[in-house]
Amino acid sequence: MLDPDLLKILCCPETHQALRLAEPAALEQLNRQIETGALKNRGGQPIKEKLENGLVRGDGKFLYPIRRGIPVMLIEEGVPLGS
């Protein structure tokens, strides 16, 4: 679980929009795409590791993964959500 105080200060590294925790249903859908090899990050690399959690940008267009409890706030690691 991400510390609520940390979530308050984190923002998108590209647009500086606020972030929110990803909904479990969205994570399930993304993990199904990962299993089939269909999901790529913004850098064009296939995502191979299941998403345990993530932070969704305010406009809903990208998710930044949380791996082993640590938010990965690199633009090229963002996962397009198609919203």
Protein backbone atom coordinates (compact mmCIF):
# COMPACT_ATOMS: atom_id res chain seq x y z
CA MET A 1 0.00 0.00 0.00
CA LEU A 2 1.20 3.48 -0.85
CA ASP A 3 1.51 6.02 1.94
CA PRO A 4 -1.36 8.54 1.57
CA ASP A 5 1.02 11.44 2.32
CA LEU A 6 3.30 10.31 -0.51
CA LEU A 7 0.34 10.08 -2.89
CA LYS A 8 -0.55 13.70 -2.08
CA ILE A 9 2.84 14.99 -3.24
CA LEU A 10 3.39 12.73 -6.27
CA CYS A 11 2.41 14.05 -9.68
CA CYS A 12 2.80 13.04 -13.31
CA PRO A 13 6.41 13.67 -14.39
CA GLU A 14 5.21 14.90 -17.78
CA THR A 15 2.15 17.08 -17.10
CA HIS A 16 2.31 17.49 -13.31
CA GLN A 17 -1.30 16.32 -13.01
CA ALA A 18 -2.45 14.70 -9.80
CA LEU A 19 -2.38 10.90 -9.54
CA ARG A 20 -4.80 8.40 -8.05
CA LEU A 21 -4.49 4.72 -7.26
CA ALA A 22 -5.62 2.41 -10.06
CA GLU A 23 -8.88 0.54 -9.65
CA PRO A 24 -8.52 -3.25 -9.20
CA ALA A 25 -10.66 -3.92 -12.31
CA ALA A 26 -8.32 -1.80 -14.46
CA LEU A 27 -5.28 -3.64 -13.10
CA GLU A 28 -6.90 -6.99 -13.89
CA GLN A 29 -7.56 -5.91 -17.47
CA LEU A 30 -3.99 -4.68 -17.92
CA ASN A 31 -2.58 -7.88 -16.40
CA ARG A 32 -4.58 -9.95 -18.90
CA GLN A 33 -2.97 -7.91 -21.70
CA ILE A 34 0.46 -8.50 -20.14
CA GLU A 35 -0.16 -12.27 -20.10
CA THR A 36 -0.82 -12.22 -23.85
CA GLY A 37 2.19 -9.98 -24.57
CA ALA A 38 -0.04 -7.24 -25.96
CA LEU A 39 0.79 -4.42 -23.52
CA LYS A 40 3.68 -2.00 -24.13
CA ASN A 41 4.84 1.01 -22.17
CA ARG A 42 5.35 4.48 -23.65
CA GLY A 43 8.94 3.57 -24.46
CA GLY A 44 7.61 0.83 -26.78
CA GLN A 45 8.88 -2.01 -24.59
CA PRO A 46 6.59 -4.97 -23.84
CA ILE A 47 5.59 -5.16 -20.20
CA LYS A 48 6.46 -8.60 -18.85
CA GLU A 49 5.95 -8.17 -15.11
CA LYS A 50 2.42 -8.30 -13.70
CA LEU A 51 1.22 -4.98 -12.27
CA GLU A 52 0.69 -5.16 -8.50
CA ASN A 53 -0.63 -1.61 -8.42
CA GLY A 54 -0.35 1.67 -10.26
CA LEU A 55 -0.98 5.40 -10.26
CA VAL A 56 -3.35 6.80 -12.87
CA ARG A 57 -2.77 10.29 -14.22
CA GLY A 58 -5.59 12.77 -13.62
CA ASP A 59 -6.78 12.67 -17.23
CA GLY A 60 -6.86 8.85 -17.17
CA LYS A 61 -4.50 8.47 -20.14
CA PHE A 62 -1.52 6.81 -18.42
CA LEU A 63 -0.73 4.57 -15.49
CA TYR A 64 2.63 4.61 -13.71
CA PRO A 65 3.39 1.19 -12.23
CA ILE A 66 4.10 0.57 -8.58
CA ARG A 67 6.67 -2.20 -8.27
CA ARG A 68 7.53 -3.73 -4.90
CA GLY A 69 5.81 -0.76 -3.23
CA ILE A 70 7.82 1.85 -5.16
CA PRO A 71 6.15 4.13 -7.76
CA VAL A 72 8.03 4.11 -11.07
CA MET A 73 7.67 7.73 -12.15
CA LEU A 74 9.52 7.65 -15.47
CA ILE A 75 7.65 8.93 -18.53
CA GLU A 76 8.79 6.03 -20.73
CA GLU A 77 7.51 3.52 -18.13
CA GLY A 78 3.98 4.93 -18.29
CA VAL A 79 1.32 2.52 -19.53
CA PRO A 80 -1.16 3.96 -22.06
CA LEU A 81 -4.74 3.43 -20.92
CA GLY A 82 -6.56 4.58 -24.03
CA SER A 83 -8.95 6.85 -22.09
